[in-house]
């Protein structure tokens, strides 16, 4: 292998690494290649840990698009904030959570420090991006300024906003009008680096063409960085530190330049609930499957429901989960989804299966057991599920 071949191999590996995206648990990635069909991607358990996992963006032209959505990571009541939520939008166990508890009356300062949210200088939680941390900080600041009786109405409005499909469509449409210039440059840069450059070096020789190739590379990276900065300022006006960091890396690293559109699209819809994004982007069948698993986890979250025994923490978790349940049910009914069908029990695998877990749908041969994978959640007998359909409409 020649030195140039080795250099190309190393650059290819660096580029493939740029296609790998780390997603926190509690988040969901939506991926598309040609922009017509989207798929849901959860943090991969095999190449991840309790905090998150990797998803792989499309590496070949037209390079595809990735969007990340997050479940709201706080349980909030009119009186307190708890850095813990019982439901988990991803299959498997819940993400690591700090379970910090703060009374609104004790909150003096809320600030975003990169990806971290701090209250009174103490770490509350760490999220997937600085823009999402700023969004959470802004909401907490708004709630802190309100009197306790007014916070309940504000919390309901915030929950509805996270499921606003019209706002998602409008923001995505505005993004779609601006992104083509970046996508054209990044796709041409991919072709330039992986096809045109090797062919030209092979036919003419590196020593003859390297000044021309370097000039072309600089044109691509500088143009992409400038357009990226303008778009980033348009869609993320307050994220100045992120904008400066991305601008420099795009300017100096061609592998990062090719994936510039990912840095723009990934946080675009992060403040919305994944269920609302699935409704806008996914097919009807995939949305139905995603809605079923999401609703099951909200109605039957893994135990324990709350890691703290203070009444204020238990109240915050309960109020927040019930608000999410009611808001999601309202959203699904508005979109002509039957709650009963979404929560219907699975068909028994064979005659020996007499019960199932209402959360993960694992089947068991005993009626009085618990699902260890879901924290000891009590099993539901198939006969009971069939004889009490009313439970599907609203669990206690």
Protein backbone atom coordinates (compact mmCIF):
# COMPACT_ATOMS: atom_id res chain seq x y z
CA UNK A 1 0.00 0.00 0.00
CA UNK A 2 1.42 3.39 -1.02
CA UNK A 3 1.47 6.43 1.23
CA UNK A 4 -1.33 8.07 -0.75
CA UNK A 5 -3.48 4.95 -0.51
CA UNK A 6 -2.89 4.84 3.24
CA UNK A 7 -3.81 8.51 3.49
CA UNK A 8 -7.05 7.90 1.59
CA UNK A 9 -7.87 4.95 3.85
CA UNK A 10 -7.30 7.03 6.98
CA UNK A 11 -9.45 9.85 5.61
CA UNK A 12 -12.21 7.36 4.77
CA UNK A 13 -12.17 6.02 8.33
CA UNK A 14 -12.31 9.56 9.71
CA UNK A 15 -15.27 10.33 7.46
CA UNK A 16 -17.11 7.16 8.54
CA UNK A 17 -16.57 8.20 12.13
CA UNK A 18 -18.22 11.53 11.29
CA UNK A 19 -21.25 9.53 10.14
CA UNK A 20 -21.58 7.94 13.59
CA UNK A 21 -23.85 9.94 15.90
CA UNK A 22 -24.09 9.48 19.65
CA UNK A 23 -27.70 9.63 20.88
CA UNK A 24 -28.61 9.83 24.57
CA UNK A 25 -31.17 7.42 25.96
CA UNK A 26 -34.43 9.32 26.18
CA UNK A 27 -33.83 10.51 22.62
CA UNK A 28 -34.89 9.12 19.24
CA UNK A 29 -33.24 9.67 15.86
CA UNK A 30 -35.24 9.94 12.64
CA UNK A 31 -33.24 9.05 9.54
CA UNK A 32 -33.88 9.33 5.83
CA UNK A 33 -31.66 8.81 2.81
CA UNK A 34 -33.58 10.32 -0.11
CA UNK A 35 -36.01 12.38 1.97
CA UNK A 36 -39.09 10.33 1.20
CA UNK A 37 -39.12 7.50 3.74
CA UNK A 38 -38.07 8.00 7.35
CA UNK A 39 -37.14 5.36 9.89
CA UNK A 40 -36.97 5.48 13.67
CA UNK A 41 -33.59 4.71 15.26
CA UNK A 42 -33.03 4.22 18.99
CA UNK A 43 -29.63 4.34 20.72
CA UNK A 44 -28.02 0.99 19.91
CA UNK A 45 -27.62 -1.20 23.00
CA UNK A 46 -24.78 -3.24 21.48
CA UNK A 47 -22.62 -0.17 20.81
CA UNK A 48 -23.64 2.00 23.74
CA UNK A 49 -24.20 2.06 27.48
CA UNK A 50 -26.74 3.12 30.09
CA UNK A 51 -26.44 6.74 28.97
CA UNK A 52 -26.87 6.29 25.21
CA UNK A 53 -25.71 4.63 22.02
CA UNK A 54 -24.72 5.19 18.42
CA UNK A 55 -26.79 5.55 15.28
CA UNK A 56 -25.23 5.57 11.81
CA UNK A 57 -26.13 8.28 9.30
CA UNK A 58 -26.19 7.48 5.59
CA UNK A 59 -22.57 7.87 4.37
CA UNK A 60 -23.20 7.93 0.60
CA UNK A 61 -24.77 10.64 -1.57
CA UNK A 62 -27.28 12.16 -1.26
CA UNK A 63 -25.92 11.77 2.31
CA UNK A 64 -29.34 11.61 3.97
CA UNK A 65 -30.72 13.56 6.91
CA UNK A 66 -30.83 12.97 10.65
CA UNK A 67 -33.19 14.62 13.14
CA UNK A 68 -33.12 13.96 16.89
CA UNK A 69 -36.10 14.32 19.23
CA UNK A 70 -36.16 14.09 23.01
CA UNK A 71 -38.64 13.12 25.66
CA UNK A 72 -38.82 15.87 28.26
CA UNK A 73 -36.29 14.90 30.95
CA UNK A 74 -37.91 16.61 33.95
CA UNK A 75 -40.89 15.88 36.16
CA UNK A 76 -42.43 19.22 37.12
CA UNK A 77 -45.30 20.02 39.46
CA UNK A 78 -46.55 23.51 40.39
CA UNK A 79 -44.30 23.29 43.45
CA UNK A 80 -41.10 21.48 42.44
CA UNK A 81 -38.72 20.25 39.72
CA UNK A 82 -37.44 16.66 39.74
CA UNK A 83 -34.64 15.56 37.39
CA UNK A 84 -36.23 12.16 36.78
CA UNK A 85 -38.96 10.73 34.55
CA UNK A 86 -40.38 7.22 34.87
CA UNK A 87 -41.27 6.62 31.18
CA UNK A 88 -38.54 5.92 28.63
CA UNK A 89 -39.15 6.46 24.93
CA UNK A 90 -36.51 3.83 24.05
CA UNK A 91 -36.79 0.06 24.42
CA UNK A 92 -35.01 -1.34 27.44
CA UNK A 93 -33.97 0.35 30.64
CA UNK A 94 -34.21 4.01 31.58
CA UNK A 95 -31.28 6.38 31.12
CA UNK A 96 -29.13 7.46 34.05
CA UNK A 97 -30.85 10.36 35.84
CA UNK A 98 -29.69 12.57 38.70
CA UNK A 99 -33.09 12.70 40.48
CA UNK A 100 -32.18 16.13 41.89
CA UNK A 101 -35.15 17.89 43.52
CA UNK A 102 -35.68 21.65 43.80
CA UNK A 103 -38.62 23.62 45.18
CA UNK A 104 -39.61 26.53 42.97
CA UNK A 105 -39.54 28.78 46.05
CA UNK A 106 -35.86 27.92 46.53
CA UNK A 107 -34.77 28.53 42.93
CA UNK A 108 -32.71 31.71 42.64
CA UNK A 109 -30.91 31.13 39.34
CA UNK A 110 -31.27 28.79 36.37
CA UNK A 111 -28.49 28.66 33.80
CA UNK A 112 -27.31 26.59 30.84
CA UNK A 113 -23.65 25.62 30.91
CA UNK A 114 -23.02 23.95 27.57
CA UNK A 115 -25.07 20.74 27.66
CA UNK A 116 -25.66 21.07 31.40
CA UNK A 117 -28.55 22.75 33.20
CA UNK A 118 -27.76 24.17 36.63
CA UNK A 119 -30.03 25.48 39.37
CA UNK A 120 -28.42 27.74 41.97
CA UNK A 121 -25.06 26.62 40.60
CA UNK A 122 -25.83 22.92 41.23
CA UNK A 123 -26.03 20.45 38.34
CA UNK A 124 -29.63 19.48 37.59
CA UNK A 125 -29.09 17.36 34.47
CA UNK A 126 -27.03 16.97 31.31
CA UNK A 127 -28.75 16.69 27.92
CA UNK A 128 -27.69 15.92 24.35
CA UNK A 129 -27.02 19.44 23.09
CA UNK A 130 -26.46 22.98 24.29
CA UNK A 131 -29.53 24.20 22.38
CA UNK A 132 -31.76 21.73 24.22
CA UNK A 133 -30.18 22.77 27.53
CA UNK A 134 -30.98 26.41 26.68
CA UNK A 135 -34.58 25.46 25.85
CA UNK A 136 -35.05 23.70 29.20
CA UNK A 137 -33.42 26.63 31.02
CA UNK A 138 -35.76 29.09 29.34
CA UNK A 139 -38.83 27.07 30.36
CA UNK A 140 -37.66 26.77 33.98
CA UNK A 141 -37.03 30.51 34.13
CA UNK A 142 -40.55 31.18 32.85
CA UNK A 143 -42.09 28.80 35.41
CA UNK A 144 -40.04 30.28 38.26
CA UNK A 145 -41.46 33.74 37.56
CA UNK A 146 -45.06 32.47 37.83
CA UNK A 147 -47.09 32.03 40.98
CA UNK A 148 -47.83 28.39 41.88
CA UNK A 149 -51.54 28.54 40.84
CA UNK A 150 -50.53 29.71 37.33
CA UNK A 151 -47.84 27.07 36.81
CA UNK A 152 -50.36 24.29 36.25
CA UNK A 153 -51.86 25.99 33.19
CA UNK A 154 -48.37 26.85 31.93
CA UNK A 155 -47.24 23.22 32.27
CA UNK A 156 -50.26 22.04 30.27
CA UNK A 157 -49.52 24.53 27.51
CA UNK A 158 -45.86 23.51 27.38
CA UNK A 159 -46.86 19.84 27.11
CA UNK A 160 -49.18 20.62 24.17
CA UNK A 161 -46.47 22.64 22.43
CA UNK A 162 -44.14 19.64 22.49
CA UNK A 163 -46.75 17.71 20.48
CA UNK A 164 -47.54 20.49 18.01
CA UNK A 165 -47.28 18.88 14.57
CA UNK A 166 -48.14 22.14 12.82
CA UNK A 167 -45.13 23.87 14.38
CA UNK A 168 -42.94 20.90 13.37
CA UNK A 169 -44.14 21.07 9.76
CA UNK A 170 -43.62 24.84 9.55
CA UNK A 171 -40.10 24.68 10.99
CA UNK A 172 -39.18 21.77 8.72
CA UNK A 173 -40.58 23.58 5.68
CA UNK A 174 -38.53 26.68 6.52
CA UNK A 175 -35.44 24.51 6.94
CA UNK A 176 -36.11 22.79 3.63
CA UNK A 177 -35.99 26.12 1.81
CA UNK A 178 -32.55 26.98 3.20
CA UNK A 179 -30.67 23.66 3.28
CA UNK A 180 -30.27 22.91 -0.49
CA UNK A 181 -27.18 25.14 -0.85
CA UNK A 182 -25.39 23.26 1.93
CA UNK A 183 -26.46 19.88 0.58
CA UNK A 184 -25.26 20.70 -2.93
CA UNK A 185 -21.84 21.74 -1.64
CA UNK A 186 -21.43 18.74 0.67
CA UNK A 187 -22.44 16.23 -2.01
CA UNK A 188 -20.07 17.82 -4.50
CA UNK A 189 -17.31 17.79 -1.90
CA UNK A 190 -17.88 14.06 -1.33
CA UNK A 191 -17.57 13.46 -5.08
CA UNK A 192 -14.52 15.71 -5.27
CA UNK A 193 -12.65 13.94 -2.46
CA UNK A 194 -13.61 10.31 -3.04
CA UNK A 195 -13.91 10.14 -6.84
CA UNK A 196 -12.38 13.10 -8.67
CA UNK A 197 -9.22 13.49 -6.53
CA UNK A 198 -8.13 9.81 -6.61
CA UNK A 199 -8.74 9.60 -10.37
CA UNK A 200 -6.78 12.78 -11.06
CA UNK A 201 -3.87 11.68 -8.88
CA UNK A 202 -3.84 8.26 -10.57
CA UNK A 203 -3.85 9.73 -14.09
CA UNK A 204 -1.57 12.76 -13.62
CA UNK A 205 0.35 12.25 -10.39
CA UNK A 206 0.12 13.88 -6.98
CA UNK A 207 3.07 16.22 -7.45
CA UNK A 208 1.50 17.71 -10.58
CA UNK A 209 -1.97 18.40 -9.24
CA UNK A 210 -1.76 18.94 -5.48
CA UNK A 211 -1.87 22.79 -5.65
CA UNK A 212 -4.99 22.65 -7.80
CA UNK A 213 -6.61 20.02 -5.58
CA UNK A 214 -5.83 22.03 -2.44
CA UNK A 215 -7.31 25.18 -3.98
CA UNK A 216 -10.49 23.31 -4.89
CA UNK A 217 -10.73 21.83 -1.39
CA UNK A 218 -10.37 25.26 0.20
CA UNK A 219 -13.12 26.65 -2.04
CA UNK A 220 -15.52 23.91 -0.92
CA UNK A 221 -14.73 24.15 2.80
CA UNK A 222 -14.78 27.95 2.97
CA UNK A 223 -18.04 28.24 1.00
CA UNK A 224 -19.71 25.54 3.13
CA UNK A 225 -18.51 27.10 6.39
CA UNK A 226 -19.84 30.53 5.42
CA UNK A 227 -23.27 29.24 4.37
CA UNK A 228 -23.40 26.98 7.43
CA UNK A 229 -22.74 29.93 9.73
CA UNK A 230 -25.54 31.95 8.13
CA UNK A 231 -28.03 29.08 8.42
CA UNK A 232 -27.01 28.24 11.96
CA UNK A 233 -27.54 31.85 13.01
CA UNK A 234 -30.96 31.81 11.34
CA UNK A 235 -32.24 28.68 13.10
CA UNK A 236 -30.21 28.81 16.33
CA UNK A 237 -29.64 32.54 16.95
CA UNK A 238 -28.59 32.16 20.61
CA UNK A 239 -26.18 29.23 20.13
CA UNK A 240 -23.09 31.38 19.52
CA UNK A 241 -20.55 29.01 21.07
CA UNK A 242 -21.87 26.06 19.04
CA UNK A 243 -21.85 28.15 15.89
CA UNK A 244 -18.22 29.19 16.35
CA UNK A 245 -17.08 25.62 17.12
CA UNK A 246 -18.89 24.12 14.14
CA UNK A 247 -17.68 26.91 11.85
CA UNK A 248 -14.04 26.21 12.71
CA UNK A 249 -14.29 22.41 12.42
CA UNK A 250 -16.09 22.67 9.07
CA UNK A 251 -13.46 25.11 7.87
CA UNK A 252 -10.52 22.93 8.93
CA UNK A 253 -11.78 19.34 8.58
CA UNK A 254 -13.07 18.21 5.15
CA UNK A 255 -14.59 15.05 6.68
CA UNK A 256 -16.68 17.23 9.00
CA UNK A 257 -17.53 19.57 6.12
CA UNK A 258 -19.24 16.73 4.23
CA UNK A 259 -21.55 16.18 7.24
CA UNK A 260 -22.28 19.89 7.79
CA UNK A 261 -25.97 19.38 7.08
CA UNK A 262 -26.18 16.92 10.02
CA UNK A 263 -25.02 19.63 12.43
CA UNK A 264 -27.86 21.83 11.14
CA UNK A 265 -30.67 19.27 11.00
CA UNK A 266 -29.93 17.19 14.09
CA UNK A 267 -31.06 19.71 16.77
CA UNK A 268 -33.72 21.36 14.60
CA UNK A 269 -36.71 19.62 16.23
CA UNK A 270 -35.17 18.47 19.50
CA UNK A 271 -37.67 20.33 21.69
CA UNK A 272 -40.58 18.32 20.30
CA UNK A 273 -41.73 14.94 21.54
CA UNK A 274 -40.63 12.03 19.30
CA UNK A 275 -44.25 10.95 18.92
CA UNK A 276 -45.17 14.21 17.19
CA UNK A 277 -42.20 13.96 14.82
CA UNK A 278 -43.11 10.37 14.01
CA UNK A 279 -46.58 11.58 13.05
CA UNK A 280 -45.14 14.17 10.62
CA UNK A 281 -42.35 12.07 9.07
CA UNK A 282 -43.20 8.37 9.34
CA UNK A 283 -45.66 6.15 7.53
CA UNK A 284 -49.01 5.42 9.15
CA UNK A 285 -47.99 1.87 10.11
CA UNK A 286 -44.69 2.95 11.66
CA UNK A 287 -46.37 5.80 13.54
CA UNK A 288 -48.94 3.34 14.89
CA UNK A 289 -46.24 0.97 16.15
CA UNK A 290 -44.30 3.82 17.72
CA UNK A 291 -47.44 5.24 19.32
CA UNK A 292 -48.31 1.83 20.78
CA UNK A 293 -44.93 1.32 22.46
CA UNK A 294 -44.80 4.94 23.65
CA UNK A 295 -48.28 4.83 25.17
CA UNK A 296 -47.60 1.50 26.88
CA UNK A 297 -44.50 2.89 28.50
CA UNK A 298 -46.34 5.99 29.70
CA UNK A 299 -49.23 3.95 31.15
CA UNK A 300 -47.00 1.19 32.55
CA UNK A 301 -43.52 2.57 33.16
CA UNK A 302 -40.81 0.36 34.60
CA UNK A 303 -40.51 0.38 38.37
CA UNK A 304 -39.60 2.24 40.49
CA UNK A 305 -41.81 5.15 39.55
CA UNK A 306 -39.80 7.54 41.71
CA UNK A 307 -36.33 7.03 43.22
CA UNK A 308 -36.98 9.44 46.12
CA UNK A 309 -39.41 9.00 49.00
CA UNK A 310 -40.11 12.70 49.66
CA UNK A 311 -43.80 13.55 49.06
CA UNK A 312 -42.75 16.54 46.93
CA UNK A 313 -40.74 14.29 44.56
CA UNK A 314 -43.48 11.65 44.35
CA UNK A 315 -46.03 14.37 43.61
CA UNK A 316 -43.86 15.93 40.88
CA UNK A 317 -43.36 12.55 39.15
CA UNK A 318 -47.04 11.63 39.38
CA UNK A 319 -48.37 14.99 38.18
CA UNK A 320 -45.88 15.15 35.30
CA UNK A 321 -46.58 11.59 34.12
CA UNK A 322 -50.35 12.05 34.32
CA UNK A 323 -50.04 15.30 32.35
CA UNK A 324 -47.99 13.50 29.70
CA UNK A 325 -50.52 10.67 29.60
CA UNK A 326 -53.46 13.02 29.14
CA UNK A 327 -51.67 15.14 26.53
CA UNK A 328 -50.54 12.11 24.51
CA UNK A 329 -54.03 10.59 24.65
CA UNK A 330 -55.54 13.86 23.44
CA UNK A 331 -52.94 14.01 20.65
CA UNK A 332 -53.59 10.42 19.52
CA UNK A 333 -57.36 10.82 19.52
CA UNK A 334 -56.98 14.03 17.53
CA UNK A 335 -55.08 11.99 14.95
CA UNK A 336 -57.80 9.29 14.80
CA UNK A 337 -55.87 6.67 16.76
CA UNK A 338 -57.82 4.19 18.89
CA UNK A 339 -56.36 4.01 22.40
CA UNK A 340 -57.94 0.59 22.88
CA UNK A 341 -56.29 -0.84 19.77
CA UNK A 342 -52.92 0.66 20.64
CA UNK A 343 -53.02 -1.03 24.04
CA UNK A 344 -54.55 -4.35 23.04
CA UNK A 345 -52.73 -7.42 24.41
CA UNK A 346 -50.52 -9.53 22.14
CA UNK A 347 -51.67 -12.87 20.80
CA UNK A 348 -50.41 -15.71 23.06
CA UNK A 349 -47.40 -17.40 21.52
CA UNK A 350 -48.76 -20.83 22.52
CA UNK A 351 -51.21 -22.39 24.99
CA UNK A 352 -48.70 -22.29 27.87
CA UNK A 353 -48.53 -18.47 27.83
CA UNK A 354 -51.12 -17.18 30.27
CA UNK A 355 -49.87 -13.65 31.03
CA UNK A 356 -47.79 -10.83 29.60
CA UNK A 357 -45.97 -7.70 30.67
CA UNK A 358 -48.13 -4.65 29.86
CA UNK A 359 -45.00 -2.63 29.08
CA UNK A 360 -42.62 -4.80 27.02
CA UNK A 361 -45.22 -7.45 25.98
CA UNK A 362 -42.99 -10.34 27.06
CA UNK A 363 -45.12 -13.46 27.66
CA UNK A 364 -45.04 -15.76 30.69
CA UNK A 365 -46.38 -19.15 31.77
CA UNK A 366 -47.47 -17.93 35.22
CA UNK A 367 -50.17 -15.47 36.21
CA UNK A 368 -48.80 -14.23 39.52
CA UNK A 369 -45.31 -13.19 38.52
CA UNK A 370 -43.48 -10.02 37.67
CA UNK A 371 -41.40 -8.82 34.73
CA UNK A 372 -37.85 -8.42 35.98
CA UNK A 373 -36.81 -6.58 32.81
CA UNK A 374 -39.32 -3.85 33.69
CA UNK A 375 -38.29 -3.46 37.32
CA UNK A 376 -40.75 -5.98 38.74
CA UNK A 377 -43.88 -4.75 36.94
CA UNK A 378 -46.84 -7.05 37.73
CA UNK A 379 -47.98 -9.27 34.86
CA UNK A 380 -51.39 -9.02 33.25
CA UNK A 381 -53.30 -12.30 32.64
CA UNK A 382 -54.60 -12.71 29.09
CA UNK A 383 -58.08 -13.59 30.38
CA UNK A 384 -58.17 -10.47 32.55
CA UNK A 385 -57.12 -8.30 29.63
CA UNK A 386 -59.87 -9.77 27.47
CA UNK A 387 -62.59 -9.47 30.11
CA UNK A 388 -61.80 -5.88 31.13
CA UNK A 389 -61.41 -3.86 27.92
CA UNK A 390 -62.17 -0.66 29.77
CA UNK A 391 -58.72 -0.76 31.28
CA UNK A 392 -57.25 -0.14 27.85
CA UNK A 393 -58.92 3.23 27.64
CA UNK A 394 -57.44 4.61 30.83
CA UNK A 395 -55.36 2.86 33.44
CA UNK A 396 -55.38 4.25 36.99
